[in-house]
Amino acid sequence: MTESERKKGLISHGVAATNRKARFDYTIKGTVEAGLVLKGPEVKSLRRGRATLNEAWAGERNGEMWLFNAYIPEYQGGVLSRFEPRAPRKLLLKHRQINELTGAISRQGATIVPLQIHFNDRGRAKVLLGVAEGRKKQDKRAAIAERDWQRDKARLMRARG
């Protein structure tokens, strides 16, 4: 990352957006990394770290995988080309990976949830997709109890020395 990028708060590599709620609402069975087809202003907006994945999901359309309902706000840098912030965006996957994901959706009733959007070492935007199964309310309560216990245990261990 150059000094000017650091001053502007741009992300050249690393996480641009995360879906923190996904790991709470779903049990993640496996993950797949996919490329993302974006326009120039969308990439600039992602580099500013302003995207959200809270209500996003991935699905199959015409034999291709698409990312639906991901919010990438318009770039406000004087760019003339406009884009729809919640437009479906094509995911770049191999045919074998697409077949595995569509099979998981149809056979197991799984959901494909985007966990994060990040930039790899080459500066390409990637999406980490999770093959997920929905949690019931009691499972969520158990997850909260486990998380609280781990936090309390860490506090006790720190206090002990």
Protein backbone atom coordinates (compact mmCIF):
# COMPACT_ATOMS: atom_id res chain seq x y z
CA MET A 1 0.00 0.00 0.00
CA THR A 2 1.39 3.37 -0.96
CA GLU A 3 1.52 6.36 1.38
CA SER A 4 -1.22 8.21 -0.53
CA GLU A 5 -3.54 5.16 -0.34
CA ARG A 6 -2.90 4.93 3.40
CA LYS A 7 -3.76 8.62 3.89
CA LYS A 8 -7.01 8.29 1.92
CA GLY A 9 -8.05 5.16 3.85
CA LEU A 10 -8.14 2.95 0.76
CA ILE A 11 -7.88 -0.83 0.91
CA SER A 12 -5.37 -2.24 -1.57
CA HIS A 13 -5.48 -5.76 -0.12
CA GLY A 14 -7.41 -7.10 2.82
CA VAL A 15 -11.05 -7.22 3.88
CA ALA A 16 -13.40 -4.65 2.32
CA ALA A 17 -16.71 -5.88 3.81
CA THR A 18 -17.79 -8.65 6.19
CA ASN A 19 -21.09 -10.27 6.98
CA ARG A 20 -20.76 -10.66 10.74
CA LYS A 21 -24.35 -11.74 11.19
CA ALA A 22 -23.98 -14.73 8.85
CA ARG A 23 -21.93 -16.82 11.28
CA PHE A 24 -24.56 -16.21 13.95
CA ASP A 25 -27.63 -16.93 11.81
CA TYR A 26 -26.16 -19.90 9.92
CA THR A 27 -23.97 -22.92 10.52
CA ILE A 28 -21.23 -22.74 7.88
CA LYS A 29 -20.53 -26.18 6.36
CA GLY A 30 -17.82 -25.10 3.90
CA THR A 31 -16.42 -22.11 2.05
CA VAL A 32 -15.58 -21.26 -1.56
CA GLU A 33 -13.70 -18.23 -2.86
CA ALA A 34 -15.13 -16.64 -6.01
CA GLY A 35 -14.13 -13.78 -8.22
CA LEU A 36 -16.49 -10.85 -8.62
CA VAL A 37 -17.37 -8.97 -11.82
CA LEU A 38 -17.37 -5.26 -10.98
CA LYS A 39 -17.29 -1.94 -12.79
CA GLY A 40 -14.57 0.62 -12.09
CA PRO A 41 -16.56 2.86 -9.73
CA GLU A 42 -17.75 -0.22 -7.80
CA VAL A 43 -14.14 -1.22 -7.17
CA LYS A 44 -13.30 2.31 -6.01
CA SER A 45 -16.25 2.27 -3.63
CA LEU A 46 -15.17 -1.15 -2.30
CA ARG A 47 -11.65 0.13 -1.73
CA ARG A 48 -13.14 2.78 0.54
CA GLY A 49 -14.62 -0.07 2.62
CA ARG A 50 -18.22 1.12 2.43
CA ALA A 51 -19.98 -2.04 1.21
CA THR A 52 -22.36 -4.14 3.31
CA LEU A 53 -23.31 -7.80 2.99
CA ASN A 54 -25.95 -8.02 5.73
CA GLU A 55 -28.86 -9.11 3.53
CA ALA A 56 -26.86 -10.53 0.62
CA TRP A 57 -27.12 -14.04 -0.76
CA ALA A 58 -25.81 -15.97 -3.76
CA GLY A 59 -27.84 -18.05 -6.16
CA GLU A 60 -27.89 -19.69 -9.56
CA ARG A 61 -29.37 -18.01 -12.64
CA ASN A 62 -29.06 -19.46 -16.15
CA GLY A 63 -26.22 -21.81 -15.15
CA GLU A 64 -24.15 -19.03 -13.54
CA MET A 65 -23.77 -17.93 -9.93
CA TRP A 66 -24.79 -14.41 -8.98
CA LEU A 67 -24.48 -12.27 -5.85
CA PHE A 68 -27.83 -10.69 -4.98
CA ASN A 69 -28.69 -7.78 -2.70
CA ALA A 70 -25.10 -6.82 -1.79
CA TYR A 71 -24.94 -3.08 -1.17
CA ILE A 72 -22.04 -1.24 -2.79
CA PRO A 73 -22.75 2.52 -2.56
CA GLU A 74 -22.12 4.84 -5.48
CA TYR A 75 -18.62 6.26 -5.66
CA GLN A 76 -18.66 9.98 -4.95
CA GLY A 77 -15.35 10.84 -6.62
CA GLY A 78 -16.67 12.78 -9.61
CA VAL A 79 -17.15 9.72 -11.78
CA LEU A 80 -19.82 10.08 -14.45
CA SER A 81 -20.73 6.39 -14.75
CA ARG A 82 -23.47 5.48 -12.30
CA PHE A 83 -24.47 2.01 -11.17
CA GLU A 84 -27.24 0.41 -9.16
CA PRO A 85 -26.03 -0.13 -5.56
CA ARG A 86 -27.98 -3.40 -5.09
CA ALA A 87 -27.64 -4.79 -8.63
CA PRO A 88 -26.95 -8.54 -9.07
CA ARG A 89 -23.25 -9.13 -9.65
CA LYS A 90 -21.83 -12.13 -11.48
CA LEU A 91 -19.55 -14.49 -9.54
CA LEU A 92 -16.60 -16.10 -11.30
CA LEU A 93 -16.45 -19.82 -10.48
CA LYS A 94 -15.41 -22.96 -12.29
CA HIS A 95 -18.18 -25.20 -13.64
CA ARG A 96 -17.35 -27.89 -11.10
CA GLN A 97 -17.72 -25.41 -8.23
CA ILE A 98 -21.03 -24.13 -9.63
CA ASN A 99 -22.31 -27.71 -9.86
CA GLU A 100 -21.28 -28.42 -6.27
CA LEU A 101 -22.98 -25.28 -4.97
CA THR A 102 -26.21 -25.82 -6.92
CA GLY A 103 -26.21 -29.44 -5.76
CA ALA A 104 -25.88 -28.34 -2.14
CA ILE A 105 -28.78 -25.95 -2.62
CA SER A 106 -31.08 -28.52 -4.23
CA ARG A 107 -30.18 -31.68 -2.27
CA GLN A 108 -29.35 -30.43 1.19
CA GLY A 109 -31.48 -27.29 1.26
CA ALA A 110 -28.39 -25.20 1.95
CA THR A 111 -28.06 -21.46 1.45
CA ILE A 112 -25.08 -19.75 -0.18
CA VAL A 113 -24.15 -16.78 2.01
CA PRO A 114 -21.37 -14.28 1.25
CA LEU A 115 -19.12 -14.05 4.32
CA GLN A 116 -16.73 -11.34 3.18
CA ILE A 117 -15.45 -9.35 0.22
CA HIS A 118 -11.70 -8.90 0.18
CA PHE A 119 -8.87 -7.96 -2.14
CA ASN A 120 -6.23 -10.60 -2.76
CA ASP A 121 -2.49 -9.98 -3.13
CA ARG A 122 -2.95 -9.07 -6.80
CA GLY A 123 -5.60 -6.48 -5.91
CA ARG A 124 -8.53 -8.49 -7.30
CA ALA A 125 -11.90 -8.39 -5.54
CA LYS A 126 -12.92 -11.80 -4.21
CA VAL A 127 -15.99 -13.02 -2.33
CA LEU A 128 -15.80 -15.73 0.32
CA LEU A 129 -19.00 -17.76 -0.01
CA GLY A 130 -20.22 -20.04 2.74
CA VAL A 131 -22.38 -23.10 2.19
CA ALA A 132 -24.69 -22.57 5.14
CA GLU A 133 -27.56 -24.20 6.96
CA GLY A 134 -29.99 -22.03 8.93
CA ARG A 135 -29.92 -22.13 12.72
CA LYS A 136 -32.97 -22.40 14.90
CA LYS A 137 -33.58 -20.03 17.79
CA GLN A 138 -32.38 -22.56 20.38
CA ASP A 139 -29.12 -23.06 18.47
CA LYS A 140 -28.58 -19.29 18.47
CA ARG A 141 -29.12 -19.22 22.23
CA ALA A 142 -26.56 -22.00 22.68
CA ALA A 143 -24.08 -20.05 20.54
CA ILE A 144 -24.61 -16.95 22.70
CA ALA A 145 -24.11 -18.97 25.89
CA GLU A 146 -20.91 -20.55 24.52
CA ARG A 147 -19.54 -17.18 23.45
CA ASP A 148 -20.31 -15.65 26.87
CA TRP A 149 -18.65 -18.57 28.64
CA GLN A 150 -15.51 -18.24 26.52
CA ARG A 151 -15.34 -14.51 27.29
CA ASP A 152 -15.83 -15.10 31.05
CA LYS A 153 -13.26 -17.89 31.02
CA ALA A 154 -10.72 -15.60 29.35
CA ARG A 155 -11.38 -12.92 31.98
CA LEU A 156 -10.87 -15.40 34.80
CA MET A 157 -7.62 -16.66 33.30
CA ARG A 158 -6.33 -13.09 32.90
CA ALA A 159 -7.25 -12.20 36.49
CA ARG A 160 -5.46 -15.29 37.77
CA GLY A 161 -2.27 -14.31 36.13
